[in-house]
Amino acid sequence: MIGKYKVITLCGSMKFKDDFLREQKRLTLEGNIVLAPNIFLLAEDITEDIKKMLDEMHKRKIDLADEVFVINKNSYVGSSTKSEIEYAKKLGKKIVFMEN
């Protein structure tokens, strides 16, 4: 925890951008520091090297987190998100899902 503020990293598919924005706002207004993927960078022309870099940066965000919040709308969890969940589990992070 940073001071009295819990750090929460959001994970999930970028196709749920509206859910990311809604949950980021809600969690922030509840008094948390929220780290999220760089949604604005998601374009079809991102190279494989940039994708690898962004994935690595997101794992660093998980390193900083007290908790990981998974955006799993309609129970969807893609391969990248599954990888992030496994990474967070290995670190002993608390994992919360938007939907059970």
PDB file of N, CA and C in Angstrom:
ATOM      1  N   MET A   1       0.839  -1.186   0.000  1.00  0.00           N
ATOM      2  CA  MET A   1       0.000   0.000   0.000  1.00  0.00           C
ATOM      3  C   MET A   1       0.879   1.242   0.000  1.00  0.00           C
ATOM      4  N   ILE A   2       0.467   2.222  -0.746  1.00  0.00           N
ATOM      5  CA  ILE A   2       1.187   3.495  -0.764  1.00  0.00           C
ATOM      6  C   ILE A   2       0.425   4.431   0.163  1.00  0.00           C
ATOM      7  N   GLY A   3       1.021   4.745   1.318  1.00  0.00           N
ATOM      8  CA  GLY A   3       0.301   5.543   2.300  1.00  0.00           C
ATOM      9  C   GLY A   3      -0.947   4.787   2.704  1.00  0.00           C
ATOM     10  N   LYS A   4      -2.062   5.437   2.658  1.00  0.00           N
ATOM     11  CA  LYS A   4      -3.328   4.783   3.001  1.00  0.00           C
ATOM     12  C   LYS A   4      -4.074   4.301   1.762  1.00  0.00           C
ATOM     13  N   TYR A   5      -3.443   4.422   0.600  1.00  0.00           N
ATOM     14  CA  TYR A   5      -4.113   4.088  -0.655  1.00  0.00           C
ATOM     15  C   TYR A   5      -3.666   2.738  -1.184  1.00  0.00           C
ATOM     16  N   LYS A   6      -4.622   1.864  -1.446  1.00  0.00           N
ATOM     17  CA  LYS A   6      -4.340   0.568  -2.054  1.00  0.00           C
ATOM     18  C   LYS A   6      -4.078   0.792  -3.542  1.00  0.00           C
ATOM     19  N   VAL A   7      -3.118   0.041  -4.082  1.00  0.00           N
ATOM     20  CA  VAL A   7      -2.808   0.102  -5.511  1.00  0.00           C
ATOM     21  C   VAL A   7      -3.470  -1.101  -6.182  1.00  0.00           C
ATOM     22  N   ILE A   8      -4.307  -0.824  -7.187  1.00  0.00           N
ATOM     23  CA  ILE A   8      -5.034  -1.865  -7.909  1.00  0.00           C
ATOM     24  C   ILE A   8      -4.677  -1.780  -9.385  1.00  0.00           C
ATOM     25  N   THR A   9      -4.263  -2.907  -9.954  1.00  0.00           N
ATOM     26  CA  THR A   9      -3.985  -2.978 -11.385  1.00  0.00           C
ATOM     27  C   THR A   9      -5.149  -3.667 -12.079  1.00  0.00           C
ATOM     28  N   LEU A  10      -5.659  -3.031 -13.123  1.00  0.00           N
ATOM     29  CA  LEU A  10      -6.747  -3.599 -13.918  1.00  0.00           C
ATOM     30  C   LEU A  10      -6.175  -4.498 -15.008  1.00  0.00           C
ATOM     31  N   CYS A  11      -6.808  -5.653 -15.199  1.00  0.00           N
ATOM     32  CA  CYS A  11      -6.427  -6.585 -16.262  1.00  0.00           C
ATOM     33  C   CYS A  11      -7.690  -7.004 -17.001  1.00  0.00           C
ATOM     34  N   GLY A  12      -7.540  -7.357 -18.269  1.00  0.00           N
ATOM     35  CA  GLY A  12      -8.678  -7.832 -19.039  1.00  0.00           C
ATOM     36  C   GLY A  12      -8.518  -7.497 -20.507  1.00  0.00           C
ATOM     37  N   SER A  13      -9.494  -7.917 -21.274  1.00  0.00           N
ATOM     38  CA  SER A  13      -9.467  -7.693 -22.715  1.00  0.00           C
ATOM     39  C   SER A  13      -9.729  -6.222 -23.037  1.00  0.00           C
ATOM     40  N   MET A  14      -8.972  -5.713 -23.990  1.00  0.00           N
ATOM     41  CA  MET A  14      -9.122  -4.320 -24.395  1.00  0.00           C
ATOM     42  C   MET A  14     -10.437  -4.071 -25.126  1.00  0.00           C
ATOM     43  N   LYS A  15     -11.145  -5.133 -25.511  1.00  0.00           N
ATOM     44  CA  LYS A  15     -12.437  -4.923 -26.152  1.00  0.00           C
ATOM     45  C   LYS A  15     -13.481  -4.423 -25.160  1.00  0.00           C
ATOM     46  N   PHE A  16     -13.143  -4.425 -23.871  1.00  0.00           N
ATOM     47  CA  PHE A  16     -14.058  -3.941 -22.834  1.00  0.00           C
ATOM     48  C   PHE A  16     -13.625  -2.561 -22.324  1.00  0.00           C
ATOM     49  N   LYS A  17     -13.236  -1.697 -23.244  1.00  0.00           N
ATOM     50  CA  LYS A  17     -12.728  -0.366 -22.896  1.00  0.00           C
ATOM     51  C   LYS A  17     -13.692   0.389 -21.984  1.00  0.00           C
ATOM     52  N   ASP A  18     -14.982   0.375 -22.280  1.00  0.00           N
ATOM     53  CA  ASP A  18     -15.947   1.105 -21.453  1.00  0.00           C
ATOM     54  C   ASP A  18     -15.976   0.578 -20.022  1.00  0.00           C
ATOM     55  N   ASP A  19     -15.844  -0.737 -19.867  1.00  0.00           N
ATOM     56  CA  ASP A  19     -15.808  -1.335 -18.532  1.00  0.00           C
ATOM     57  C   ASP A  19     -14.532  -0.930 -17.792  1.00  0.00           C
ATOM     58  N   PHE A  20     -13.416  -0.894 -18.509  1.00  0.00           N
ATOM     59  CA  PHE A  20     -12.165  -0.430 -17.899  1.00  0.00           C
ATOM     60  C   PHE A  20     -12.336   0.988 -17.369  1.00  0.00           C
ATOM     61  N   LEU A  21     -12.884   1.868 -18.195  1.00  0.00           N
ATOM     62  CA  LEU A  21     -13.037   3.270 -17.786  1.00  0.00           C
ATOM     63  C   LEU A  21     -13.987   3.400 -16.606  1.00  0.00           C
ATOM     64  N   ARG A  22     -15.093   2.648 -16.627  1.00  0.00           N
ATOM     65  CA  ARG A  22     -16.061   2.700 -15.530  1.00  0.00           C
ATOM     66  C   ARG A  22     -15.441   2.188 -14.222  1.00  0.00           C
ATOM     67  N   GLU A  23     -14.756   1.057 -14.292  1.00  0.00           N
ATOM     68  CA  GLU A  23     -14.163   0.472 -13.086  1.00  0.00           C
ATOM     69  C   GLU A  23     -12.998   1.320 -12.583  1.00  0.00           C
ATOM     70  N   GLN A  24     -12.223   1.891 -13.498  1.00  0.00           N
ATOM     71  CA  GLN A  24     -11.125   2.772 -13.093  1.00  0.00           C
ATOM     72  C   GLN A  24     -11.677   3.970 -12.326  1.00  0.00           C
ATOM     73  N   LYS A  25     -12.748   4.558 -12.824  1.00  0.00           N
ATOM     74  CA  LYS A  25     -13.371   5.696 -12.152  1.00  0.00           C
ATOM     75  C   LYS A  25     -13.907   5.281 -10.787  1.00  0.00           C
ATOM     76  N   ARG A  26     -14.661   4.175 -10.731  1.00  0.00           N
ATOM     77  CA  ARG A  26     -15.259   3.720  -9.476  1.00  0.00           C
ATOM     78  C   ARG A  26     -14.192   3.434  -8.422  1.00  0.00           C
ATOM     79  N   LEU A  27     -13.176   2.670  -8.808  1.00  0.00           N
ATOM     80  CA  LEU A  27     -12.133   2.306  -7.852  1.00  0.00           C
ATOM     81  C   LEU A  27     -11.332   3.520  -7.392  1.00  0.00           C
ATOM     82  N   THR A  28     -11.078   4.459  -8.287  1.00  0.00           N
ATOM     83  CA  THR A  28     -10.365   5.683  -7.916  1.00  0.00           C
ATOM     84  C   THR A  28     -11.184   6.501  -6.927  1.00  0.00           C
ATOM     85  N   LEU A  29     -12.475   6.655  -7.200  1.00  0.00           N
ATOM     86  CA  LEU A  29     -13.329   7.439  -6.297  1.00  0.00           C
ATOM     87  C   LEU A  29     -13.529   6.760  -4.948  1.00  0.00           C
ATOM     88  N   GLU A  30     -13.262   5.453  -4.882  1.00  0.00           N
ATOM     89  CA  GLU A  30     -13.295   4.737  -3.605  1.00  0.00           C
ATOM     90  C   GLU A  30     -11.992   4.910  -2.825  1.00  0.00           C
ATOM     91  N   GLY A  31     -11.029   5.637  -3.406  1.00  0.00           N
ATOM     92  CA  GLY A  31      -9.788   5.938  -2.700  1.00  0.00           C
ATOM     93  C   GLY A  31      -8.628   5.011  -3.018  1.00  0.00           C
ATOM     94  N   ASN A  32      -8.613   4.451  -4.213  1.00  0.00           N
ATOM     95  CA  ASN A  32      -7.524   3.572  -4.635  1.00  0.00           C
ATOM     96  C   ASN A  32      -6.688   4.232  -5.723  1.00  0.00           C
ATOM     97  N   ILE A  33      -5.432   3.825  -5.811  1.00  0.00           N
ATOM     98  CA  ILE A  33      -4.578   4.199  -6.931  1.00  0.00           C
ATOM     99  C   ILE A  33      -4.764   3.102  -7.968  1.00  0.00           C
ATOM    100  N   VAL A  34      -5.217   3.467  -9.161  1.00  0.00           N
ATOM    101  CA  VAL A  34      -5.561   2.463 -10.174  1.00  0.00           C
ATOM    102  C   VAL A  34      -4.587   2.552 -11.344  1.00  0.00           C
ATOM    103  N   LEU A  35      -3.987   1.408 -11.649  1.00  0.00           N
ATOM    104  CA  LEU A  35      -3.086   1.288 -12.794  1.00  0.00           C
ATOM    105  C   LEU A  35      -3.802   0.477 -13.863  1.00  0.00           C
ATOM    106  N   ALA A  36      -3.802   0.977 -15.069  1.00  0.00           N
ATOM    107  CA  ALA A  36      -4.549   0.321 -16.147  1.00  0.00           C
ATOM    108  C   ALA A  36      -3.669   0.186 -17.381  1.00  0.00           C
ATOM    109  N   PRO A  37      -4.046  -0.724 -18.276  1.00  0.00           N
ATOM    110  CA  PRO A  37      -3.319  -0.823 -19.547  1.00  0.00           C
ATOM    111  C   PRO A  37      -3.441   0.474 -20.335  1.00  0.00           C
ATOM    112  N   ASN A  38      -2.537   0.654 -21.272  1.00  0.00           N
ATOM    113  CA  ASN A  38      -2.567   1.833 -22.130  1.00  0.00           C
ATOM    114  C   ASN A  38      -3.541   1.589 -23.269  1.00  0.00           C
ATOM    115  N   ILE A  39      -4.824   1.745 -22.995  1.00  0.00           N
ATOM    116  CA  ILE A  39      -5.875   1.456 -23.967  1.00  0.00           C
ATOM    117  C   ILE A  39      -5.698   2.285 -25.236  1.00  0.00           C
ATOM    118  N   PHE A  40      -5.288   3.529 -25.079  1.00  0.00           N
ATOM    119  CA  PHE A  40      -5.177   4.422 -26.227  1.00  0.00           C
ATOM    120  C   PHE A  40      -4.118   3.961 -27.222  1.00  0.00           C
ATOM    121  N   LEU A  41      -3.252   3.049 -26.828  1.00  0.00           N
ATOM    122  CA  LEU A  41      -2.204   2.567 -27.729  1.00  0.00           C
ATOM    123  C   LEU A  41      -2.650   1.380 -28.569  1.00  0.00           C
ATOM    124  N   LEU A  42      -3.844   0.891 -28.320  1.00  0.00           N
ATOM    125  CA  LEU A  42      -4.270  -0.323 -29.012  1.00  0.00           C
ATOM    126  C   LEU A  42      -4.775  -0.018 -30.414  1.00  0.00           C
ATOM    127  N   ALA A  43      -3.925  -0.279 -31.357  1.00  0.00           N
ATOM    128  CA  ALA A  43      -4.283  -0.095 -32.769  1.00  0.00           C
ATOM    129  C   ALA A  43      -3.817  -1.327 -33.528  1.00  0.00           C
ATOM    130  N   GLU A  44      -4.415  -1.573 -34.656  1.00  0.00           N
ATOM    131  CA  GLU A  44      -4.089  -2.753 -35.440  1.00  0.00           C
ATOM    132  C   GLU A  44      -2.639  -2.760 -35.917  1.00  0.00           C
ATOM    133  N   ASP A  45      -2.011  -1.597 -35.978  1.00  0.00           N
ATOM    134  CA  ASP A  45      -0.658  -1.532 -36.523  1.00  0.00           C
ATOM    135  C   ASP A  45       0.440  -1.642 -35.467  1.00  0.00           C
ATOM    136  N   ILE A  46       0.106  -2.065 -34.256  1.00  0.00           N
ATOM    137  CA  ILE A  46       1.132  -2.253 -33.232  1.00  0.00           C
ATOM    138  C   ILE A  46       1.967  -3.471 -33.610  1.00  0.00           C
ATOM    139  N   THR A  47       3.263  -3.285 -33.590  1.00  0.00           N
ATOM    140  CA  THR A  47       4.165  -4.382 -33.950  1.00  0.00           C
ATOM    141  C   THR A  47       4.249  -5.393 -32.814  1.00  0.00           C
ATOM    142  N   GLU A  48       4.779  -6.554 -33.134  1.00  0.00           N
ATOM    143  CA  GLU A  48       4.950  -7.604 -32.117  1.00  0.00           C
ATOM    144  C   GLU A  48       5.915  -7.141 -31.028  1.00  0.00           C
ATOM    145  N   ASP A  49       6.952  -6.377 -31.397  1.00  0.00           N
ATOM    146  CA  ASP A  49       7.901  -5.858 -30.410  1.00  0.00           C
ATOM    147  C   ASP A  49       7.218  -4.889 -29.443  1.00  0.00           C
ATOM    148  N   ILE A  50       6.363  -4.027 -29.975  1.00  0.00           N
ATOM    149  CA  ILE A  50       5.650  -3.085 -29.097  1.00  0.00           C
ATOM    150  C   ILE A  50       4.691  -3.837 -28.191  1.00  0.00           C
ATOM    151  N   LYS A  51       4.003  -4.847 -28.725  1.00  0.00           N
ATOM    152  CA  LYS A  51       3.096  -5.650 -27.897  1.00  0.00           C
ATOM    153  C   LYS A  51       3.860  -6.314 -26.753  1.00  0.00           C
ATOM    154  N   LYS A  52       5.029  -6.871 -27.044  1.00  0.00           N
ATOM    155  CA  LYS A  52       5.852  -7.488 -26.002  1.00  0.00           C
ATOM    156  C   LYS A  52       6.240  -6.466 -24.937  1.00  0.00           C
ATOM    157  N   MET A  53       6.628  -5.273 -25.392  1.00  0.00           N
ATOM    158  CA  MET A  53       7.000  -4.218 -24.459  1.00  0.00           C
ATOM    159  C   MET A  53       5.815  -3.840 -23.567  1.00  0.00           C
ATOM    160  N   LEU A  54       4.626  -3.666 -24.162  1.00  0.00           N
ATOM    161  CA  LEU A  54       3.444  -3.301 -23.390  1.00  0.00           C
ATOM    162  C   LEU A  54       3.063  -4.396 -22.401  1.00  0.00           C
ATOM    163  N   ASP A  55       3.188  -5.654 -22.810  1.00  0.00           N
ATOM    164  CA  ASP A  55       2.910  -6.772 -21.900  1.00  0.00           C
ATOM    165  C   ASP A  55       3.870  -6.756 -20.717  1.00  0.00           C
ATOM    166  N   GLU A  56       5.133  -6.510 -20.981  1.00  0.00           N
ATOM    167  CA  GLU A  56       6.133  -6.443 -19.911  1.00  0.00           C
ATOM    168  C   GLU A  56       5.850  -5.260 -18.979  1.00  0.00           C
ATOM    169  N   MET A  57       5.487  -4.117 -19.556  1.00  0.00           N
ATOM    170  CA  MET A  57       5.150  -2.951 -18.734  1.00  0.00           C
ATOM    171  C   MET A  57       3.942  -3.255 -17.842  1.00  0.00           C
ATOM    172  N   HIS A  58       2.970  -3.982 -18.390  1.00  0.00           N
ATOM    173  CA  HIS A  58       1.781  -4.303 -17.601  1.00  0.00           C
ATOM    174  C   HIS A  58       2.135  -5.239 -16.446  1.00  0.00           C
ATOM    175  N   LYS A  59       3.074  -6.144 -16.668  1.00  0.00           N
ATOM    176  CA  LYS A  59       3.520  -7.012 -15.560  1.00  0.00           C
ATOM    177  C   LYS A  59       4.211  -6.184 -14.476  1.00  0.00           C
ATOM    178  N   ARG A  60       4.897  -5.137 -14.848  1.00  0.00           N
ATOM    179  CA  ARG A  60       5.497  -4.254 -13.832  1.00  0.00           C
ATOM    180  C   ARG A  60       4.390  -3.563 -13.017  1.00  0.00           C
ATOM    181  N   LYS A  61       3.287  -3.229 -13.679  1.00  0.00           N
ATOM    182  CA  LYS A  61       2.135  -2.649 -12.963  1.00  0.00           C
ATOM    183  C   LYS A  61       1.575  -3.661 -11.968  1.00  0.00           C
ATOM    184  N   ILE A  62       1.559  -4.938 -12.347  1.00  0.00           N
ATOM    185  CA  ILE A  62       1.119  -5.982 -11.416  1.00  0.00           C
ATOM    186  C   ILE A  62       2.098  -6.079 -10.248  1.00  0.00           C
ATOM    187  N   ASP A  63       3.398  -5.954 -10.530  1.00  0.00           N
ATOM    188  CA  ASP A  63       4.398  -5.953  -9.456  1.00  0.00           C
ATOM    189  C   ASP A  63       4.095  -4.876  -8.413  1.00  0.00           C
ATOM    190  N   LEU A  64       3.676  -3.711  -8.871  1.00  0.00           N
ATOM    191  CA  LEU A  64       3.412  -2.570  -7.977  1.00  0.00           C
ATOM    192  C   LEU A  64       2.103  -2.697  -7.203  1.00  0.00           C
ATOM    193  N   ALA A  65       1.217  -3.573  -7.670  1.00  0.00           N
ATOM    194  CA  ALA A  65      -0.146  -3.634  -7.144  1.00  0.00           C
ATOM    195  C   ALA A  65      -0.245  -4.383  -5.821  1.00  0.00           C
ATOM    196  N   ASP A  66      -1.212  -3.938  -5.012  1.00  0.00           N
ATOM    197  CA  ASP A  66      -1.637  -4.701  -3.837  1.00  0.00           C
ATOM    198  C   ASP A  66      -2.687  -5.724  -4.265  1.00  0.00           C
ATOM    199  N   GLU A  67      -3.388  -5.396  -5.343  1.00  0.00           N
ATOM    200  CA  GLU A  67      -4.512  -6.206  -5.801  1.00  0.00           C
ATOM    201  C   GLU A  67      -4.631  -6.103  -7.309  1.00  0.00           C
ATOM    202  N   VAL A  68      -5.128  -7.171  -7.939  1.00  0.00           N
ATOM    203  CA  VAL A  68      -5.411  -7.172  -9.370  1.00  0.00           C
ATOM    204  C   VAL A  68      -6.918  -7.303  -9.542  1.00  0.00           C
ATOM    205  N   PHE A  69      -7.497  -6.425 -10.351  1.00  0.00           N
ATOM    206  CA  PHE A  69      -8.931  -6.449 -10.626  1.00  0.00           C
ATOM    207  C   PHE A  69      -9.108  -6.848 -12.083  1.00  0.00           C
ATOM    208  N   VAL A  70      -9.789  -7.979 -12.302  1.00  0.00           N
ATOM    209  CA  VAL A  70      -9.932  -8.533 -13.650  1.00  0.00           C
ATOM    210  C   VAL A  70     -11.283  -8.138 -14.238  1.00  0.00           C
ATOM    211  N   ILE A  71     -11.241  -7.486 -15.389  1.00  0.00           N
ATOM    212  CA  ILE A  71     -12.439  -7.160 -16.156  1.00  0.00           C
ATOM    213  C   ILE A  71     -12.760  -8.416 -16.971  1.00  0.00           C
ATOM    214  N   ASN A  72     -13.734  -9.189 -16.513  1.00  0.00           N
ATOM    215  CA  ASN A  72     -14.082 -10.455 -17.171  1.00  0.00           C
ATOM    216  C   ASN A  72     -15.550 -10.453 -17.597  1.00  0.00           C
ATOM    217  N   LYS A  73     -15.905  -9.448 -18.370  1.00  0.00           N
ATOM    218  CA  LYS A  73     -17.287  -9.289 -18.839  1.00  0.00           C
ATOM    219  C   LYS A  73     -17.760 -10.550 -19.555  1.00  0.00           C
ATOM    220  N   ASN A  74     -18.981 -10.969 -19.236  1.00  0.00           N
ATOM    221  CA  ASN A  74     -19.552 -12.200 -19.802  1.00  0.00           C
ATOM    222  C   ASN A  74     -18.635 -13.400 -19.585  1.00  0.00           C
ATOM    223  N   SER A  75     -17.880 -13.369 -18.473  1.00  0.00           N
ATOM    224  CA  SER A  75     -16.942 -14.436 -18.081  1.00  0.00           C
ATOM    225  C   SER A  75     -15.774 -14.610 -19.052  1.00  0.00           C
ATOM    226  N   TYR A  76     -15.546 -13.633 -19.945  1.00  0.00           N
ATOM    227  CA  TYR A  76     -14.463 -13.741 -20.926  1.00  0.00           C
ATOM    228  C   TYR A  76     -13.112 -13.407 -20.291  1.00  0.00           C
ATOM    229  N   VAL A  77     -12.169 -14.336 -20.436  1.00  0.00           N
ATOM    230  CA  VAL A  77     -10.782 -14.118 -20.030  1.00  0.00           C
ATOM    231  C   VAL A  77      -9.910 -14.673 -21.144  1.00  0.00           C
ATOM    232  N   GLY A  78      -9.231 -13.785 -21.853  1.00  0.00           N
ATOM    233  CA  GLY A  78      -8.379 -14.199 -22.969  1.00  0.00           C
ATOM    234  C   GLY A  78      -7.026 -14.702 -22.509  1.00  0.00           C
ATOM    235  N   SER A  79      -6.222 -15.133 -23.457  1.00  0.00           N
ATOM    236  CA  SER A  79      -4.926 -15.742 -23.132  1.00  0.00           C
ATOM    237  C   SER A  79      -3.968 -14.771 -22.443  1.00  0.00           C
ATOM    238  N   SER A  80      -3.931 -13.516 -22.880  1.00  0.00           N
ATOM    239  CA  SER A  80      -3.051 -12.536 -22.228  1.00  0.00           C
ATOM    240  C   SER A  80      -3.481 -12.301 -20.782  1.00  0.00           C
ATOM    241  N   THR A  81      -4.790 -12.198 -20.572  1.00  0.00           N
ATOM    242  CA  THR A  81      -5.302 -11.975 -19.214  1.00  0.00           C
ATOM    243  C   THR A  81      -5.034 -13.192 -18.336  1.00  0.00           C
ATOM    244  N   LYS A  82      -5.201 -14.395 -18.894  1.00  0.00           N
ATOM    245  CA  LYS A  82      -4.896 -15.615 -18.128  1.00  0.00           C
ATOM    246  C   LYS A  82      -3.431 -15.598 -17.687  1.00  0.00           C
ATOM    247  N   SER A  83      -2.554 -15.179 -18.589  1.00  0.00           N
ATOM    248  CA  SER A  83      -1.130 -15.083 -18.269  1.00  0.00           C
ATOM    249  C   SER A  83      -0.893 -14.086 -17.135  1.00  0.00           C
ATOM    250  N   GLU A  84      -1.578 -12.953 -17.179  1.00  0.00           N
ATOM    251  CA  GLU A  84      -1.437 -11.934 -16.122  1.00  0.00           C
ATOM    252  C   GLU A  84      -1.964 -12.450 -14.790  1.00  0.00           C
ATOM    253  N   ILE A  85      -3.071 -13.189 -14.822  1.00  0.00           N
ATOM    254  CA  ILE A  85      -3.630 -13.762 -13.588  1.00  0.00           C
ATOM    255  C   ILE A  85      -2.638 -14.757 -12.980  1.00  0.00           C
ATOM    256  N   GLU A  86      -2.059 -15.612 -13.814  1.00  0.00           N
ATOM    257  CA  GLU A  86      -1.073 -16.580 -13.325  1.00  0.00           C
ATOM    258  C   GLU A  86       0.138 -15.864 -12.734  1.00  0.00           C
ATOM    259  N   TYR A  87       0.581 -14.800 -13.390  1.00  0.00           N
ATOM    260  CA  TYR A  87       1.707 -14.016 -12.895  1.00  0.00           C
ATOM    261  C   TYR A  87       1.372 -13.424 -11.530  1.00  0.00           C
ATOM    262  N   ALA A  88       0.175 -12.844 -11.398  1.00  0.00           N
ATOM    263  CA  ALA A  88      -0.244 -12.246 -10.129  1.00  0.00           C
ATOM    264  C   ALA A  88      -0.345 -13.303  -9.031  1.00  0.00           C
ATOM    265  N   LYS A  89      -0.842 -14.489  -9.373  1.00  0.00           N
ATOM    266  CA  LYS A  89      -0.938 -15.583  -8.389  1.00  0.00           C
ATOM    267  C   LYS A  89       0.446 -15.962  -7.876  1.00  0.00           C
ATOM    268  N   LYS A  90       1.417 -16.067  -8.789  1.00  0.00           N
ATOM    269  CA  LYS A  90       2.786 -16.424  -8.392  1.00  0.00           C
ATOM    270  C   LYS A  90       3.366 -15.410  -7.413  1.00  0.00           C
ATOM    271  N   LEU A  91       2.933 -14.161  -7.555  1.00  0.00           N
ATOM    272  CA  LEU A  91       3.414 -13.101  -6.662  1.00  0.00           C
ATOM    273  C   LEU A  91       2.593 -13.007  -5.374  1.00  0.00           C
ATOM    274  N   GLY A  92       1.528 -13.794  -5.280  1.00  0.00           N
ATOM    275  CA  GLY A  92       0.683 -13.761  -4.090  1.00  0.00           C
ATOM    276  C   GLY A  92      -0.243 -12.572  -4.024  1.00  0.00           C
ATOM    277  N   LYS A  93      -0.559 -11.989  -5.165  1.00  0.00           N
ATOM    278  CA  LYS A  93      -1.452 -10.820  -5.209  1.00  0.00           C
ATOM    279  C   LYS A  93      -2.891 -11.255  -5.004  1.00  0.00           C
ATOM    280  N   LYS A  94      -3.666 -10.430  -4.367  1.00  0.00           N
ATOM    281  CA  LYS A  94      -5.107 -10.652  -4.254  1.00  0.00           C
ATOM    282  C   LYS A  94      -5.703 -10.415  -5.646  1.00  0.00           C
ATOM    283  N   ILE A  95      -6.595 -11.296  -6.066  1.00  0.00           N
ATOM    284  CA  ILE A  95      -7.210 -11.178  -7.393  1.00  0.00           C
ATOM    285  C   ILE A  95      -8.724 -11.110  -7.211  1.00  0.00           C
ATOM    286  N   VAL A  96      -9.316 -10.055  -7.771  1.00  0.00           N
ATOM    287  CA  VAL A  96     -10.757  -9.838  -7.697  1.00  0.00           C
ATOM    288  C   VAL A  96     -11.283  -9.800  -9.129  1.00  0.00           C
ATOM    289  N   PHE A  97     -12.426 -10.450  -9.345  1.00  0.00           N
ATOM    290  CA  PHE A  97     -13.027 -10.476 -10.669  1.00  0.00           C
ATOM    291  C   PHE A  97     -14.271  -9.581 -10.698  1.00  0.00           C
ATOM    292  N   MET A  98     -14.452  -8.864 -11.810  1.00  0.00           N
ATOM    293  CA  MET A  98     -15.629  -8.012 -11.977  1.00  0.00           C
ATOM    294  C   MET A  98     -16.899  -8.866 -11.907  1.00  0.00           C
ATOM    295  N   GLU A  99     -16.874 -10.022 -12.569  1.00  0.00           N
ATOM    296  CA  GLU A  99     -18.005 -10.961 -12.541  1.00  0.00           C
ATOM    297  C   GLU A  99     -17.509 -12.274 -11.963  1.00  0.00           C
ATOM    298  N   ASN A 100     -18.354 -12.916 -11.181  1.00  0.00           N
ATOM    299  CA  ASN A 100     -17.951 -14.205 -10.578  1.00  0.00           C
ATOM    300  C   ASN A 100     -17.974 -15.330 -11.569  1.00  0.00           C
TER     301      ASN A 100
END
